Amino acid sequence: MDYYKIGQQIRKYRKAYGLSQEQLAEKIGISVTHMSHIETGNTKLSLSVFVNIARTLEVQTDDLLQYGLSERKICFQELAEVLESCNATQIRIITDVAKATKVALQKRMDT
């Protein structure tokens, strides 16, 4: 089991959820130092702590174990947060830019 990768997943979800290490540590009842060690992979985390982290961050434990798949969910959440503060014109521009970027990336991958 790669504790570093799990820790990085926890970190990504924590940030996406808008919590500091201190806030998450307090919510699950561990020290900030222990939370930091979990995120850096410097300690193994117990099953109960792992489950409490997932519950607090409102994610499935599988999402914390599937390193690549959850990245997409995090990006969608970050994008949704950006769009929440935009007006209709800004949303249209961002959508157009995203579509143009997708086309350009696809062309580059095809060459």
Protein backbone atom coordinates (compact mmCIF):
# COMPACT_ATOMS: atom_id res chain seq x y z
CA MET A 1 0.00 0.00 0.00
CA ASP A 2 1.43 3.38 -1.00
CA TYR A 3 0.80 5.66 1.99
CA TYR A 4 2.33 8.63 0.21
CA LYS A 5 -0.22 8.42 -2.62
CA ILE A 6 -3.07 7.94 -0.16
CA GLY A 7 -1.83 10.97 1.77
CA GLN A 8 -1.73 13.03 -1.40
CA GLN A 9 -5.30 12.00 -2.22
CA ILE A 10 -6.40 13.03 1.26
CA ARG A 11 -4.62 16.36 0.79
CA LYS A 12 -6.34 16.99 -2.56
CA TYR A 13 -9.78 16.22 -1.16
CA ARG A 14 -9.10 18.26 1.98
CA LYS A 15 -8.16 21.28 -0.11
CA ALA A 16 -11.11 20.78 -2.44
CA TYR A 17 -13.35 20.63 0.63
CA GLY A 18 -11.84 23.90 1.83
CA LEU A 19 -10.29 22.65 5.05
CA SER A 20 -6.87 23.30 6.51
CA GLN A 21 -4.87 20.45 8.02
CA GLU A 22 -5.70 21.88 11.42
CA GLN A 23 -9.43 21.90 10.74
CA LEU A 24 -9.49 18.34 9.41
CA ALA A 25 -7.33 17.08 12.28
CA GLU A 26 -9.69 18.68 14.79
CA LYS A 27 -12.78 17.22 13.11
CA ILE A 28 -11.40 13.67 13.20
CA GLY A 29 -9.75 13.96 16.61
CA ILE A 30 -6.06 13.67 15.79
CA SER A 31 -3.11 16.02 16.17
CA VAL A 32 -2.06 18.38 13.40
CA THR A 33 1.33 16.67 13.37
CA HIS A 34 -0.31 13.29 12.79
CA MET A 35 -2.44 14.78 10.00
CA SER A 36 0.67 16.21 8.38
CA HIS A 37 2.43 12.85 8.62
CA ILE A 38 -0.56 11.12 7.03
CA GLU A 39 -0.55 13.52 4.08
CA THR A 40 3.19 13.14 3.53
CA GLY A 41 3.08 9.36 3.87
CA ASN A 42 5.41 9.42 6.88
CA THR A 43 3.03 7.34 8.97
CA LYS A 44 0.57 4.55 8.47
CA LEU A 45 -2.96 5.52 9.30
CA SER A 46 -5.36 3.28 11.14
CA LEU A 47 -8.52 2.05 9.51
CA SER A 48 -10.66 4.10 11.89
CA VAL A 49 -8.76 7.31 11.10
CA PHE A 50 -8.93 6.53 7.38
CA VAL A 51 -12.72 6.02 7.54
CA ASN A 52 -13.17 9.18 9.64
CA ILE A 53 -11.21 11.21 7.09
CA ALA A 54 -13.35 9.86 4.24
CA ARG A 55 -16.57 10.61 6.14
CA THR A 56 -15.45 14.12 7.05
CA LEU A 57 -14.43 14.88 3.46
CA GLU A 58 -17.66 13.27 2.21
CA VAL A 59 -15.85 10.87 -0.14
CA GLN A 60 -15.85 7.12 -0.50
CA THR A 61 -12.82 5.34 0.90
CA ASP A 62 -12.28 3.93 -2.60
CA ASP A 63 -11.79 7.47 -3.88
CA LEU A 64 -8.85 7.88 -1.53
CA LEU A 65 -7.34 4.62 -2.75
CA GLN A 66 -7.86 5.16 -6.48
CA TYR A 67 -5.19 7.72 -7.15
CA GLY A 68 -5.88 8.57 -10.79
CA LEU A 69 -9.66 8.27 -10.94
CA SER A 70 -10.43 10.77 -8.19
CA GLU A 71 -8.29 13.47 -9.81
CA ARG A 72 -11.07 13.99 -12.35
CA LYS A 73 -13.64 14.47 -9.57
CA ILE A 74 -11.41 17.00 -7.84
CA CYS A 75 -10.96 18.96 -11.08
CA PHE A 76 -14.71 19.01 -11.66
CA GLN A 77 -15.26 20.31 -8.14
CA GLU A 78 -12.59 23.00 -8.55
CA LEU A 79 -14.11 24.06 -11.86
CA ALA A 80 -17.59 24.19 -10.33
CA GLU A 81 -16.25 26.44 -7.55
CA VAL A 82 -14.74 28.81 -10.13
CA LEU A 83 -17.95 28.93 -12.14
CA GLU A 84 -20.12 29.62 -9.08
CA SER A 85 -18.72 33.14 -8.83
CA CYS A 86 -19.07 33.91 -12.56
CA ASN A 87 -21.82 35.70 -14.40
CA ALA A 88 -23.40 34.23 -17.56
CA THR A 89 -20.96 35.98 -19.92
CA GLN A 90 -17.94 34.76 -17.98
CA ILE A 91 -19.29 31.21 -17.94
CA ARG A 92 -19.77 31.30 -21.72
CA ILE A 93 -16.21 32.59 -22.26
CA ILE A 94 -14.74 29.94 -19.95
CA THR A 95 -16.75 27.25 -21.76
CA ASP A 96 -15.53 28.47 -25.15
CA VAL A 97 -11.92 28.53 -23.93
CA ALA A 98 -12.26 24.99 -22.55
CA LYS A 99 -13.69 23.73 -25.84
CA ALA A 100 -10.93 25.41 -27.87
CA THR A 101 -8.29 24.01 -25.54
CA LYS A 102 -9.74 20.51 -25.91
CA VAL A 103 -9.62 20.77 -29.71
CA ALA A 104 -6.03 22.06 -29.64
CA LEU A 105 -4.94 19.27 -27.28
CA GLN A 106 -6.60 16.66 -29.45
CA LYS A 107 -4.88 17.99 -32.58
CA ARG A 108 -1.53 17.92 -30.81
CA MET A 109 -2.09 14.35 -29.63
CA ASP A 110 -2.99 13.26 -33.16
CA THR A 111 0.33 14.46 -34.58
